[in-house]
Amino acid sequence: MRAMLFDGANPQLRETDVPDPVLAAGQLLIDVHACGVCRTDLHVVDGDLRDPRRPVIPGHEIVGTVAALGAGVTGFAPGDRVGVPWLGHTCGHCRYCQRGRENLCDAPGFTGYTINGGYAERTVADARYCFHLPRQYSDIEAAPLLCAGLIGYRTLAMAGDAPCIGIYGFGAAAHIVAQVARHQGRTVYAFTRPGDHDAQCFARRLGAQWAGGSDETPPEPLDAALLFAPVGALVPAALRAVAKGGTVVCGGIHMSDIPSFPYAWLWEERRIVSVANLTREDGSAFMAIAAKHKIEIETTAYPLARANDALADLRAGRFTGAAVLTIR
């Protein structure tokens, strides 16, 4: 089968033929139709995340159909459309798994990082971590739901019931979570790269009440700020924008160093928290929301062989919304 392979020595993925994956007990064999291109994939190939499987097939926003079931699998049938997210395995017995916090598992497996992912014609995945997808989304539209949507949802949930939300970095995750926040009746302010008027217009079209550069002050203090851009300098900027008791939620898996800032900016019970991975409960809750409220998914499609172009365009910010590889 065709696949795009990261060997760890070269940031460029290599298109190659690899053997079909071998189906094991508890797994689904999946014919891949589409796979989202996530900033986490960039962090893998750019060396920001340590110790990926080498070689590895990236991609953790996988949409496809079930080709075969491994022994013991229930809840799926051949021909079902399924989604495969970032969280691909947990141990089930560490202190975090035992406390319902499997996103912090001590011995996890991550799709496209420590487990082969979806930049390929076929993949296998643990059925327990796969999701049925809402029918109203095409394969290309559904792919970004599986990380941009899921991590965005968990990031928003970490903000509690904050009625006024600021979103820094209006990319794949932000354009989904902004719509979820609006469905929940929250006010959304969007912060983009300074001067990125296209992204600001995009944000306003999706319901943001105000959109401006990350160097600007919002029209009113925020109750919470969600950070999706991997820029540590945005943390103190967001702290200055949130009201007393406000929360700054860092939604990315990697961020540049956070510069020092005066304690006064944190005082008055402001908080900085991070989001790590997701749980299957997050997935079920978010898919229910996506099924109830049709979310507008902005995508730019690339054939599998152009995965390197998609990653380069993501790195340079050449599109709005999300990039998706089309496989079948």
C-alpha atoms as a PDB file:
ATOM      1  CA  MET A   1       0.000   0.000   0.000  1.00  0.00           C
ATOM      2  CA  ARG A   2       1.069   3.625  -0.464  1.00  0.00           C
ATOM      3  CA  ALA A   3       2.111   5.603   2.587  1.00  0.00           C
ATOM      4  CA  MET A   4       3.991   8.740   3.567  1.00  0.00           C
ATOM      5  CA  LEU A   5       6.787   7.781   5.963  1.00  0.00           C
ATOM      6  CA  PHE A   6       8.747   9.841   8.492  1.00  0.00           C
ATOM      7  CA  ASP A   7      12.122   8.214   9.170  1.00  0.00           C
ATOM      8  CA  GLY A   8      13.350  10.677  11.807  1.00  0.00           C
ATOM      9  CA  ALA A   9      16.393  11.735   9.796  1.00  0.00           C
ATOM     10  CA  ASN A  10      14.688  14.029   7.286  1.00  0.00           C
ATOM     11  CA  PRO A  11      11.772  16.394   7.946  1.00  0.00           C
ATOM     12  CA  GLN A  12      10.462  15.591   4.476  1.00  0.00           C
ATOM     13  CA  LEU A  13       8.100  12.622   4.410  1.00  0.00           C
ATOM     14  CA  ARG A  14       8.933   9.898   1.924  1.00  0.00           C
ATOM     15  CA  GLU A  15       6.266   8.394  -0.322  1.00  0.00           C
ATOM     16  CA  THR A  16       6.777   4.641  -0.396  1.00  0.00           C
ATOM     17  CA  ASP A  17       5.096   1.260  -0.617  1.00  0.00           C
ATOM     18  CA  VAL A  18       4.812  -0.593   2.683  1.00  0.00           C
ATOM     19  CA  PRO A  19       3.166  -3.899   3.571  1.00  0.00           C
ATOM     20  CA  ASP A  20      -0.489  -3.796   4.542  1.00  0.00           C
ATOM     21  CA  PRO A  21      -0.916  -3.596   8.328  1.00  0.00           C
ATOM     22  CA  VAL A  22      -1.593  -6.869  10.112  1.00  0.00           C
ATOM     23  CA  LEU A  23      -4.916  -7.025  11.951  1.00  0.00           C
ATOM     24  CA  ALA A  24      -4.713  -8.154  15.586  1.00  0.00           C
ATOM     25  CA  ALA A  25      -7.335  -9.027  18.191  1.00  0.00           C
ATOM     26  CA  GLY A  26      -9.345  -6.025  19.315  1.00  0.00           C
ATOM     27  CA  GLN A  27      -8.440  -3.964  16.266  1.00  0.00           C
ATOM     28  CA  LEU A  28     -10.174  -2.592  13.182  1.00  0.00           C
ATOM     29  CA  LEU A  29      -8.590  -2.794   9.742  1.00  0.00           C
ATOM     30  CA  ILE A  30      -9.543   0.483   8.075  1.00  0.00           C
ATOM     31  CA  ASP A  31      -9.495   1.637   4.462  1.00  0.00           C
ATOM     32  CA  VAL A  32      -8.456   5.262   4.866  1.00  0.00           C
ATOM     33  CA  HIS A  33     -10.451   7.850   2.914  1.00  0.00           C
ATOM     34  CA  ALA A  34      -9.108  11.082   4.427  1.00  0.00           C
ATOM     35  CA  CYS A  35      -6.684  12.205   7.112  1.00  0.00           C
ATOM     36  CA  GLY A  36      -6.368  15.659   8.598  1.00  0.00           C
ATOM     37  CA  VAL A  37      -3.025  17.440   8.702  1.00  0.00           C
ATOM     38  CA  CYS A  38      -2.544  18.698  12.253  1.00  0.00           C
ATOM     39  CA  ARG A  39       0.009  21.046  13.797  1.00  0.00           C
ATOM     40  CA  THR A  40       1.031  18.090  15.979  1.00  0.00           C
ATOM     41  CA  ASP A  41       2.204  16.369  12.783  1.00  0.00           C
ATOM     42  CA  LEU A  42       4.433  19.393  12.230  1.00  0.00           C
ATOM     43  CA  HIS A  43       5.803  19.057  15.752  1.00  0.00           C
ATOM     44  CA  VAL A  44       6.640  15.412  15.026  1.00  0.00           C
ATOM     45  CA  VAL A  45       8.507  16.051  11.767  1.00  0.00           C
ATOM     46  CA  ASP A  46      10.167  19.241  13.064  1.00  0.00           C
ATOM     47  CA  GLY A  47      11.567  17.388  16.087  1.00  0.00           C
ATOM     48  CA  ASP A  48       9.595  19.331  18.703  1.00  0.00           C
ATOM     49  CA  LEU A  49       8.181  16.089  20.128  1.00  0.00           C
ATOM     50  CA  ARG A  50      10.735  13.616  21.397  1.00  0.00           C
ATOM     51  CA  ASP A  51      11.059   9.936  20.585  1.00  0.00           C
ATOM     52  CA  PRO A  52       8.491   9.281  17.876  1.00  0.00           C
ATOM     53  CA  ARG A  53       8.373   5.769  16.506  1.00  0.00           C
ATOM     54  CA  ARG A  54      10.941   5.586  13.707  1.00  0.00           C
ATOM     55  CA  PRO A  55       9.966   5.117  11.020  1.00  0.00           C
ATOM     56  CA  VAL A  56       6.364   6.154  11.558  1.00  0.00           C
ATOM     57  CA  ILE A  57       3.376   6.907   9.347  1.00  0.00           C
ATOM     58  CA  PRO A  58       1.994  10.238  10.677  1.00  0.00           C
ATOM     59  CA  GLY A  59      -1.639  11.284  10.853  1.00  0.00           C
ATOM     60  CA  HIS A  60      -4.191  11.110  13.669  1.00  0.00           C
ATOM     61  CA  GLU A  61      -7.368  12.593  12.181  1.00  0.00           C
ATOM     62  CA  ILE A  62      -8.319   9.477  10.252  1.00  0.00           C
ATOM     63  CA  VAL A  63     -11.620   8.837   8.479  1.00  0.00           C
ATOM     64  CA  GLY A  64     -12.258   5.544   6.714  1.00  0.00           C
ATOM     65  CA  THR A  65     -14.395   2.456   6.481  1.00  0.00           C
ATOM     66  CA  VAL A  66     -13.970  -0.786   8.360  1.00  0.00           C
ATOM     67  CA  ALA A  67     -12.510  -3.490   6.109  1.00  0.00           C
ATOM     68  CA  ALA A  68     -12.253  -6.236   8.748  1.00  0.00           C
ATOM     69  CA  LEU A  69     -12.672  -6.861  12.480  1.00  0.00           C
ATOM     70  CA  GLY A  70     -10.131  -8.399  14.805  1.00  0.00           C
ATOM     71  CA  ALA A  71     -11.190 -11.062  17.276  1.00  0.00           C
ATOM     72  CA  GLY A  72     -13.356  -9.785  20.101  1.00  0.00           C
ATOM     73  CA  VAL A  73     -14.408  -6.506  18.492  1.00  0.00           C
ATOM     74  CA  THR A  74     -17.977  -5.380  19.153  1.00  0.00           C
ATOM     75  CA  GLY A  75     -19.871  -2.239  18.197  1.00  0.00           C
ATOM     76  CA  PHE A  76     -18.536  -2.075  14.623  1.00  0.00           C
ATOM     77  CA  ALA A  77     -19.235  -3.918  11.387  1.00  0.00           C
ATOM     78  CA  PRO A  78     -17.483  -4.100   8.009  1.00  0.00           C
ATOM     79  CA  GLY A  79     -18.440  -1.061   5.956  1.00  0.00           C
ATOM     80  CA  ASP A  80     -18.971   1.229   8.954  1.00  0.00           C
ATOM     81  CA  ARG A  81     -17.459   4.679   8.657  1.00  0.00           C
ATOM     82  CA  VAL A  82     -15.138   5.347  11.606  1.00  0.00           C
ATOM     83  CA  GLY A  83     -12.800   7.975  12.954  1.00  0.00           C
ATOM     84  CA  VAL A  84      -9.436   7.377  14.606  1.00  0.00           C
ATOM     85  CA  PRO A  85      -8.100  10.112  16.948  1.00  0.00           C
ATOM     86  CA  TRP A  86      -4.753  10.969  18.581  1.00  0.00           C
ATOM     87  CA  LEU A  87      -5.300   8.782  21.658  1.00  0.00           C
ATOM     88  CA  GLY A  88      -4.765   5.260  20.378  1.00  0.00           C
ATOM     89  CA  HIS A  89      -4.133   3.218  23.540  1.00  0.00           C
ATOM     90  CA  THR A  90      -3.976   3.477  27.320  1.00  0.00           C
ATOM     91  CA  CYS A  91      -2.746   0.979  29.890  1.00  0.00           C
ATOM     92  CA  GLY A  92      -5.990   0.934  31.914  1.00  0.00           C
ATOM     93  CA  HIS A  93      -4.286   0.336  35.268  1.00  0.00           C
ATOM     94  CA  CYS A  94      -2.040   3.306  36.143  1.00  0.00           C
ATOM     95  CA  ARG A  95      -3.189   5.838  38.737  1.00  0.00           C
ATOM     96  CA  TYR A  96      -4.542   8.153  36.027  1.00  0.00           C
ATOM     97  CA  CYS A  97      -6.498   5.517  34.136  1.00  0.00           C
ATOM     98  CA  GLN A  98      -7.950   4.276  37.404  1.00  0.00           C
ATOM     99  CA  ARG A  99      -9.161   7.797  38.219  1.00  0.00           C
ATOM    100  CA  GLY A 100     -10.851   8.419  34.868  1.00  0.00           C
ATOM    101  CA  ARG A 101      -7.995  10.541  33.541  1.00  0.00           C
ATOM    102  CA  GLU A 102      -6.794   8.320  30.726  1.00  0.00           C
ATOM    103  CA  ASN A 103      -5.506  11.363  28.827  1.00  0.00           C
ATOM    104  CA  LEU A 104      -2.647  11.380  31.360  1.00  0.00           C
ATOM    105  CA  CYS A 105      -1.911   7.636  31.148  1.00  0.00           C
ATOM    106  CA  ASP A 106       1.649   6.648  32.088  1.00  0.00           C
ATOM    107  CA  ALA A 107       1.968   4.206  29.169  1.00  0.00           C
ATOM    108  CA  PRO A 108      -0.136   5.599  26.318  1.00  0.00           C
ATOM    109  CA  GLY A 109      -0.047   5.068  22.568  1.00  0.00           C
ATOM    110  CA  PHE A 110      -0.610   7.964  20.183  1.00  0.00           C
ATOM    111  CA  THR A 111      -1.771   7.607  16.595  1.00  0.00           C
ATOM    112  CA  GLY A 112       0.733   8.910  14.064  1.00  0.00           C
ATOM    113  CA  TYR A 113       3.424   9.323  16.728  1.00  0.00           C
ATOM    114  CA  THR A 114       4.035   6.051  18.572  1.00  0.00           C
ATOM    115  CA  ILE A 115       1.483   4.088  16.502  1.00  0.00           C
ATOM    116  CA  ASN A 116       1.328   4.195  12.701  1.00  0.00           C
ATOM    117  CA  GLY A 117      -1.313   6.643  11.536  1.00  0.00           C
ATOM    118  CA  GLY A 118      -3.401   7.686   8.577  1.00  0.00           C
ATOM    119  CA  TYR A 119      -1.068   9.084   5.936  1.00  0.00           C
ATOM    120  CA  ALA A 120      -1.584   5.763   4.177  1.00  0.00           C
ATOM    121  CA  GLU A 121      -4.149   3.772   2.234  1.00  0.00           C
ATOM    122  CA  ARG A 122      -4.855   1.432   5.158  1.00  0.00           C
ATOM    123  CA  THR A 123      -4.320   1.401   8.900  1.00  0.00           C
ATOM    124  CA  VAL A 124      -5.240  -0.606  11.971  1.00  0.00           C
ATOM    125  CA  ALA A 125      -6.539   0.866  15.220  1.00  0.00           C
ATOM    126  CA  ASP A 126      -7.706  -0.347  18.613  1.00  0.00           C
ATOM    127  CA  ALA A 127     -11.493  -0.475  18.244  1.00  0.00           C
ATOM    128  CA  ARG A 128     -12.003   0.811  21.792  1.00  0.00           C
ATOM    129  CA  TYR A 129     -10.541   4.184  20.800  1.00  0.00           C
ATOM    130  CA  CYS A 130     -12.402   4.624  17.499  1.00  0.00           C
ATOM    131  CA  PHE A 131     -15.592   6.622  16.978  1.00  0.00           C
ATOM    132  CA  HIS A 132     -18.636   6.481  14.780  1.00  0.00           C
ATOM    133  CA  LEU A 133     -18.929   9.804  12.971  1.00  0.00           C
ATOM    134  CA  PRO A 134     -21.962  12.064  12.416  1.00  0.00           C
ATOM    135  CA  ARG A 135     -23.468  11.351   9.016  1.00  0.00           C
ATOM    136  CA  GLN A 136     -23.913  14.947   7.912  1.00  0.00           C
ATOM    137  CA  TYR A 137     -20.167  15.493   7.463  1.00  0.00           C
ATOM    138  CA  SER A 138     -18.276  14.358   4.385  1.00  0.00           C
ATOM    139  CA  ASP A 139     -15.049  12.418   4.901  1.00  0.00           C
ATOM    140  CA  ILE A 140     -13.004  15.573   4.327  1.00  0.00           C
ATOM    141  CA  GLU A 141     -15.156  17.606   6.713  1.00  0.00           C
ATOM    142  CA  ALA A 142     -15.115  14.885   9.390  1.00  0.00           C
ATOM    143  CA  ALA A 143     -11.317  14.510   9.542  1.00  0.00           C
ATOM    144  CA  PRO A 144     -10.599  17.771  11.454  1.00  0.00           C
ATOM    145  CA  LEU A 145     -13.236  16.853  14.040  1.00  0.00           C
ATOM    146  CA  LEU A 146     -10.903  14.114  15.297  1.00  0.00           C
ATOM    147  CA  CYS A 147      -8.224  16.390  16.749  1.00  0.00           C
ATOM    148  CA  ALA A 148      -8.882  20.042  15.980  1.00  0.00           C
ATOM    149  CA  GLY A 149     -12.435  19.465  17.145  1.00  0.00           C
ATOM    150  CA  LEU A 150     -11.730  17.129  20.048  1.00  0.00           C
ATOM    151  CA  ILE A 151      -8.788  19.064  21.503  1.00  0.00           C
ATOM    152  CA  GLY A 152     -10.634  22.322  20.901  1.00  0.00           C
ATOM    153  CA  TYR A 153     -13.616  20.942  22.788  1.00  0.00           C
ATOM    154  CA  ARG A 154     -11.466  19.845  25.739  1.00  0.00           C
ATOM    155  CA  THR A 155      -9.767  23.248  25.760  1.00  0.00           C
ATOM    156  CA  LEU A 156     -13.130  25.009  25.854  1.00  0.00           C
ATOM    157  CA  ALA A 157     -14.343  22.693  28.623  1.00  0.00           C
ATOM    158  CA  MET A 158     -11.286  23.667  30.714  1.00  0.00           C
ATOM    159  CA  ALA A 159     -12.592  27.235  30.624  1.00  0.00           C
ATOM    160  CA  GLY A 160     -15.676  26.184  32.586  1.00  0.00           C
ATOM    161  CA  ASP A 161     -18.761  28.303  32.063  1.00  0.00           C
ATOM    162  CA  ALA A 162     -16.845  31.463  31.101  1.00  0.00           C
ATOM    163  CA  PRO A 163     -19.288  33.575  29.068  1.00  0.00           C
ATOM    164  CA  CYS A 164     -16.696  35.704  27.234  1.00  0.00           C
ATOM    165  CA  ILE A 165     -13.991  33.719  25.424  1.00  0.00           C
ATOM    166  CA  GLY A 166     -10.886  34.924  23.624  1.00  0.00           C
ATOM    167  CA  ILE A 167      -9.281  32.583  21.090  1.00  0.00           C
ATOM    168  CA  TYR A 168      -5.630  33.111  20.151  1.00  0.00           C
ATOM    169  CA  GLY A 169      -4.495  31.505  16.900  1.00  0.00           C
ATOM    170  CA  PHE A 170      -7.462  31.163  14.557  1.00  0.00           C
ATOM    171  CA  GLY A 171      -6.592  27.939  12.777  1.00  0.00           C
ATOM    172  CA  ALA A 172      -8.113  24.466  12.537  1.00  0.00           C
ATOM    173  CA  ALA A 173      -9.044  24.006  16.204  1.00  0.00           C
ATOM    174  CA  ALA A 174     -10.128  27.594  16.746  1.00  0.00           C
ATOM    175  CA  HIS A 175     -12.505  27.747  13.804  1.00  0.00           C
ATOM    176  CA  ILE A 176     -14.347  24.690  15.148  1.00  0.00           C
ATOM    177  CA  VAL A 177     -14.368  25.610  18.840  1.00  0.00           C
ATOM    178  CA  ALA A 178     -15.520  29.149  18.064  1.00  0.00           C
ATOM    179  CA  GLN A 179     -18.696  27.713  16.560  1.00  0.00           C
ATOM    180  CA  VAL A 180     -19.228  25.380  19.522  1.00  0.00           C
ATOM    181  CA  ALA A 181     -18.816  28.319  21.903  1.00  0.00           C
ATOM    182  CA  ARG A 182     -21.347  30.337  19.913  1.00  0.00           C
ATOM    183  CA  HIS A 183     -23.826  27.422  20.011  1.00  0.00           C
ATOM    184  CA  GLN A 184     -23.398  27.484  23.795  1.00  0.00           C
ATOM    185  CA  GLY A 185     -24.315  31.159  23.893  1.00  0.00           C
ATOM    186  CA  ARG A 186     -20.829  32.501  24.644  1.00  0.00           C
ATOM    187  CA  THR A 187     -19.287  35.650  23.220  1.00  0.00           C
ATOM    188  CA  VAL A 188     -16.174  34.966  21.143  1.00  0.00           C
ATOM    189  CA  TYR A 189     -13.274  37.312  20.432  1.00  0.00           C
ATOM    190  CA  ALA A 190     -10.648  36.109  17.939  1.00  0.00           C
ATOM    191  CA  PHE A 191      -6.940  36.987  17.981  1.00  0.00           C
ATOM    192  CA  THR A 192      -4.848  36.306  14.865  1.00  0.00           C
ATOM    193  CA  ARG A 193      -1.345  37.093  13.704  1.00  0.00           C
ATOM    194  CA  PRO A 194      -1.080  40.892  13.554  1.00  0.00           C
ATOM    195  CA  GLY A 195      -2.203  42.092  10.138  1.00  0.00           C
ATOM    196  CA  ASP A 196      -3.846  38.801   9.102  1.00  0.00           C
ATOM    197  CA  HIS A 197      -7.035  40.410   7.876  1.00  0.00           C
ATOM    198  CA  ASP A 198      -8.178  37.303   5.975  1.00  0.00           C
ATOM    199  CA  ALA A 199      -8.158  35.241   9.190  1.00  0.00           C
ATOM    200  CA  GLN A 200      -9.960  38.049  11.023  1.00  0.00           C
ATOM    201  CA  CYS A 201     -12.709  38.165   8.383  1.00  0.00           C
ATOM    202  CA  PHE A 202     -12.932  34.374   8.574  1.00  0.00           C
ATOM    203  CA  ALA A 203     -13.369  34.548  12.350  1.00  0.00           C
ATOM    204  CA  ARG A 204     -16.105  37.157  12.119  1.00  0.00           C
ATOM    205  CA  ARG A 205     -17.893  35.076   9.475  1.00  0.00           C
ATOM    206  CA  LEU A 206     -17.946  32.161  11.941  1.00  0.00           C
ATOM    207  CA  GLY A 207     -19.534  34.238  14.677  1.00  0.00           C
ATOM    208  CA  ALA A 208     -16.725  36.092  16.437  1.00  0.00           C
ATOM    209  CA  GLN A 209     -18.045  39.363  17.796  1.00  0.00           C
ATOM    210  CA  TRP A 210     -14.614  40.974  17.367  1.00  0.00           C
ATOM    211  CA  ALA A 211     -11.410  39.937  15.621  1.00  0.00           C
ATOM    212  CA  GLY A 212      -7.996  41.584  15.746  1.00  0.00           C
ATOM    213  CA  GLY A 213      -4.287  40.972  16.096  1.00  0.00           C
ATOM    214  CA  SER A 214      -2.776  39.171  19.063  1.00  0.00           C
ATOM    215  CA  ASP A 215      -1.075  42.446  19.954  1.00  0.00           C
ATOM    216  CA  GLU A 216      -4.424  44.219  20.380  1.00  0.00           C
ATOM    217  CA  THR A 217      -6.623  44.681  23.449  1.00  0.00           C
ATOM    218  CA  PRO A 218     -10.140  43.199  23.217  1.00  0.00           C
ATOM    219  CA  PRO A 219     -13.163  45.492  23.635  1.00  0.00           C
ATOM    220  CA  GLU A 220     -13.824  44.064  27.097  1.00  0.00           C
ATOM    221  CA  PRO A 221     -11.950  41.852  29.588  1.00  0.00           C
ATOM    222  CA  LEU A 222     -12.126  38.143  28.820  1.00  0.00           C
ATOM    223  CA  ASP A 223     -13.406  35.518  31.230  1.00  0.00           C
ATOM    224  CA  ALA A 224     -11.119  32.942  29.607  1.00  0.00           C
ATOM    225  CA  ALA A 225      -8.526  32.809  26.843  1.00  0.00           C
ATOM    226  CA  LEU A 226      -7.889  29.706  24.722  1.00  0.00           C
ATOM    227  CA  LEU A 227      -4.434  29.509  23.143  1.00  0.00           C
ATOM    228  CA  PHE A 228      -3.947  27.372  20.040  1.00  0.00           C
ATOM    229  CA  ALA A 229      -0.929  29.155  18.556  1.00  0.00           C
ATOM    230  CA  PRO A 230       2.301  27.514  19.864  1.00  0.00           C
ATOM    231  CA  VAL A 231       3.752  30.860  20.902  1.00  0.00           C
ATOM    232  CA  GLY A 232       4.748  31.180  24.559  1.00  0.00           C
ATOM    233  CA  ALA A 233       4.699  34.986  24.415  1.00  0.00           C
ATOM    234  CA  LEU A 234       0.913  34.823  24.041  1.00  0.00           C
ATOM    235  CA  VAL A 235       0.539  33.527  27.607  1.00  0.00           C
ATOM    236  CA  PRO A 236       1.395  36.818  29.345  1.00  0.00           C
ATOM    237  CA  ALA A 237      -0.524  38.699  26.632  1.00  0.00           C
ATOM    238  CA  ALA A 238      -3.602  36.599  27.349  1.00  0.00           C
ATOM    239  CA  LEU A 239      -3.161  37.037  31.108  1.00  0.00           C
ATOM    240  CA  ARG A 240      -3.333  40.794  30.624  1.00  0.00           C
ATOM    241  CA  ALA A 241      -6.556  40.367  28.627  1.00  0.00           C
ATOM    242  CA  VAL A 242      -8.458  38.186  31.131  1.00  0.00           C
ATOM    243  CA  ALA A 243     -10.460  39.616  34.000  1.00  0.00           C
ATOM    244  CA  LYS A 244      -9.965  38.789  37.673  1.00  0.00           C
ATOM    245  CA  GLY A 245     -10.559  35.083  38.230  1.00  0.00           C
ATOM    246  CA  GLY A 246     -10.019  34.398  34.529  1.00  0.00           C
ATOM    247  CA  THR A 247      -8.341  31.347  33.020  1.00  0.00           C
ATOM    248  CA  VAL A 248      -5.750  31.037  30.263  1.00  0.00           C
ATOM    249  CA  VAL A 249      -5.928  27.578  28.676  1.00  0.00           C
ATOM    250  CA  CYS A 250      -2.972  26.385  26.563  1.00  0.00           C
ATOM    251  CA  GLY A 251      -4.446  23.945  24.074  1.00  0.00           C
ATOM    252  CA  GLY A 252      -1.354  22.797  22.178  1.00  0.00           C
ATOM    253  CA  ILE A 253       0.940  19.829  22.760  1.00  0.00           C
ATOM    254  CA  HIS A 254       4.025  22.020  22.231  1.00  0.00           C
ATOM    255  CA  MET A 255       4.721  25.696  22.820  1.00  0.00           C
ATOM    256  CA  SER A 256       7.791  27.900  22.730  1.00  0.00           C
ATOM    257  CA  ASP A 257       9.114  29.086  26.078  1.00  0.00           C
ATOM    258  CA  ILE A 258       6.882  31.394  28.088  1.00  0.00           C
ATOM    259  CA  PRO A 259       8.704  34.658  28.895  1.00  0.00           C
ATOM    260  CA  SER A 260       8.793  35.953  32.445  1.00  0.00           C
ATOM    261  CA  PHE A 261       6.078  38.365  33.513  1.00  0.00           C
ATOM    262  CA  PRO A 262       5.148  40.298  36.669  1.00  0.00           C
ATOM    263  CA  TYR A 263       3.260  38.387  39.317  1.00  0.00           C
ATOM    264  CA  ALA A 264       0.672  41.188  39.264  1.00  0.00           C
ATOM    265  CA  TRP A 265      -0.534  39.891  35.900  1.00  0.00           C
ATOM    266  CA  LEU A 266      -1.356  36.506  37.473  1.00  0.00           C
ATOM    267  CA  TRP A 267      -2.665  37.815  40.774  1.00  0.00           C
ATOM    268  CA  GLU A 268      -6.395  38.120  41.581  1.00  0.00           C
ATOM    269  CA  GLU A 269      -6.919  34.396  41.058  1.00  0.00           C
ATOM    270  CA  ARG A 270      -6.104  34.236  37.361  1.00  0.00           C
ATOM    271  CA  ARG A 271      -4.971  30.764  36.285  1.00  0.00           C
ATOM    272  CA  ILE A 272      -2.827  29.197  33.569  1.00  0.00           C
ATOM    273  CA  VAL A 273      -3.676  25.594  32.678  1.00  0.00           C
ATOM    274  CA  SER A 274      -2.723  23.201  29.896  1.00  0.00           C
ATOM    275  CA  VAL A 275      -4.622  20.563  27.963  1.00  0.00           C
ATOM    276  CA  ALA A 276      -3.077  17.128  27.467  1.00  0.00           C
ATOM    277  CA  ASN A 277      -4.518  14.773  24.860  1.00  0.00           C
ATOM    278  CA  LEU A 278      -8.152  13.669  25.175  1.00  0.00           C
ATOM    279  CA  THR A 279     -10.349  11.007  26.700  1.00  0.00           C
ATOM    280  CA  ARG A 280     -12.866   8.773  25.013  1.00  0.00           C
ATOM    281  CA  GLU A 281     -15.523  10.582  27.031  1.00  0.00           C
ATOM    282  CA  ASP A 282     -14.424  13.821  25.350  1.00  0.00           C
ATOM    283  CA  GLY A 283     -14.853  12.114  21.995  1.00  0.00           C
ATOM    284  CA  SER A 284     -18.363  10.882  22.702  1.00  0.00           C
ATOM    285  CA  ALA A 285     -19.465  14.253  24.097  1.00  0.00           C
ATOM    286  CA  PHE A 286     -18.025  16.242  21.209  1.00  0.00           C
ATOM    287  CA  MET A 287     -19.421  13.944  18.507  1.00  0.00           C
ATOM    288  CA  ALA A 288     -22.871  14.372  20.073  1.00  0.00           C
ATOM    289  CA  ILE A 289     -22.476  18.165  19.805  1.00  0.00           C
ATOM    290  CA  ALA A 290     -21.231  17.907  16.214  1.00  0.00           C
ATOM    291  CA  ALA A 291     -24.234  15.728  15.343  1.00  0.00           C
ATOM    292  CA  LYS A 292     -26.693  18.177  16.901  1.00  0.00           C
ATOM    293  CA  HIS A 293     -25.181  21.400  15.553  1.00  0.00           C
ATOM    294  CA  LYS A 294     -23.805  21.320  12.011  1.00  0.00           C
ATOM    295  CA  ILE A 295     -20.357  22.870  12.295  1.00  0.00           C
ATOM    296  CA  GLU A 296     -18.963  24.624   9.243  1.00  0.00           C
ATOM    297  CA  ILE A 297     -15.605  22.992   8.507  1.00  0.00           C
ATOM    298  CA  GLU A 298     -13.232  24.985   6.304  1.00  0.00           C
ATOM    299  CA  THR A 299     -10.773  22.676   4.554  1.00  0.00           C
ATOM    300  CA  THR A 300      -8.046  22.689   1.941  1.00  0.00           C
ATOM    301  CA  ALA A 301      -7.617  19.253   0.354  1.00  0.00           C
ATOM    302  CA  TYR A 302      -4.353  17.697  -0.847  1.00  0.00           C
ATOM    303  CA  PRO A 303      -3.719  14.279  -2.376  1.00  0.00           C
ATOM    304  CA  LEU A 304      -1.689  11.907  -0.193  1.00  0.00           C
ATOM    305  CA  ALA A 305       1.443  12.395  -2.309  1.00  0.00           C
ATOM    306  CA  ARG A 306       1.405  16.125  -1.478  1.00  0.00           C
ATOM    307  CA  ALA A 307       1.555  15.667   2.300  1.00  0.00           C
ATOM    308  CA  ASN A 308       4.823  17.623   2.439  1.00  0.00           C
ATOM    309  CA  ASP A 309       3.154  20.556   0.668  1.00  0.00           C
ATOM    310  CA  ALA A 310       0.286  20.463   3.149  1.00  0.00           C
ATOM    311  CA  LEU A 311       2.715  20.536   6.089  1.00  0.00           C
ATOM    312  CA  ALA A 312       4.682  23.401   4.544  1.00  0.00           C
ATOM    313  CA  ASP A 313       1.516  25.412   3.910  1.00  0.00           C
ATOM    314  CA  LEU A 314       0.385  24.798   7.492  1.00  0.00           C
ATOM    315  CA  ARG A 315       3.766  25.919   8.819  1.00  0.00           C
ATOM    316  CA  ALA A 316       3.554  29.124   6.758  1.00  0.00           C
ATOM    317  CA  GLY A 317      -0.128  29.801   7.511  1.00  0.00           C
ATOM    318  CA  ARG A 318      -1.127  29.782   3.846  1.00  0.00           C
ATOM    319  CA  PHE A 319      -4.729  28.664   4.362  1.00  0.00           C
ATOM    320  CA  THR A 320      -7.609  29.173   6.750  1.00  0.00           C
ATOM    321  CA  GLY A 321      -9.259  26.286   8.566  1.00  0.00           C
ATOM    322  CA  ALA A 322      -7.752  22.818   8.223  1.00  0.00           C
ATOM    323  CA  ALA A 323      -5.726  20.844   5.685  1.00  0.00           C
ATOM    324  CA  VAL A 324      -6.873  17.327   4.805  1.00  0.00           C
ATOM    325  CA  LEU A 325      -5.185  14.591   2.784  1.00  0.00           C
ATOM    326  CA  THR A 326      -7.452  12.648   0.453  1.00  0.00           C
ATOM    327  CA  ILE A 327      -6.530   9.009   0.059  1.00  0.00           C
ATOM    328  CA  ARG A 328      -9.477   7.310  -1.704  1.00  0.00           C
END
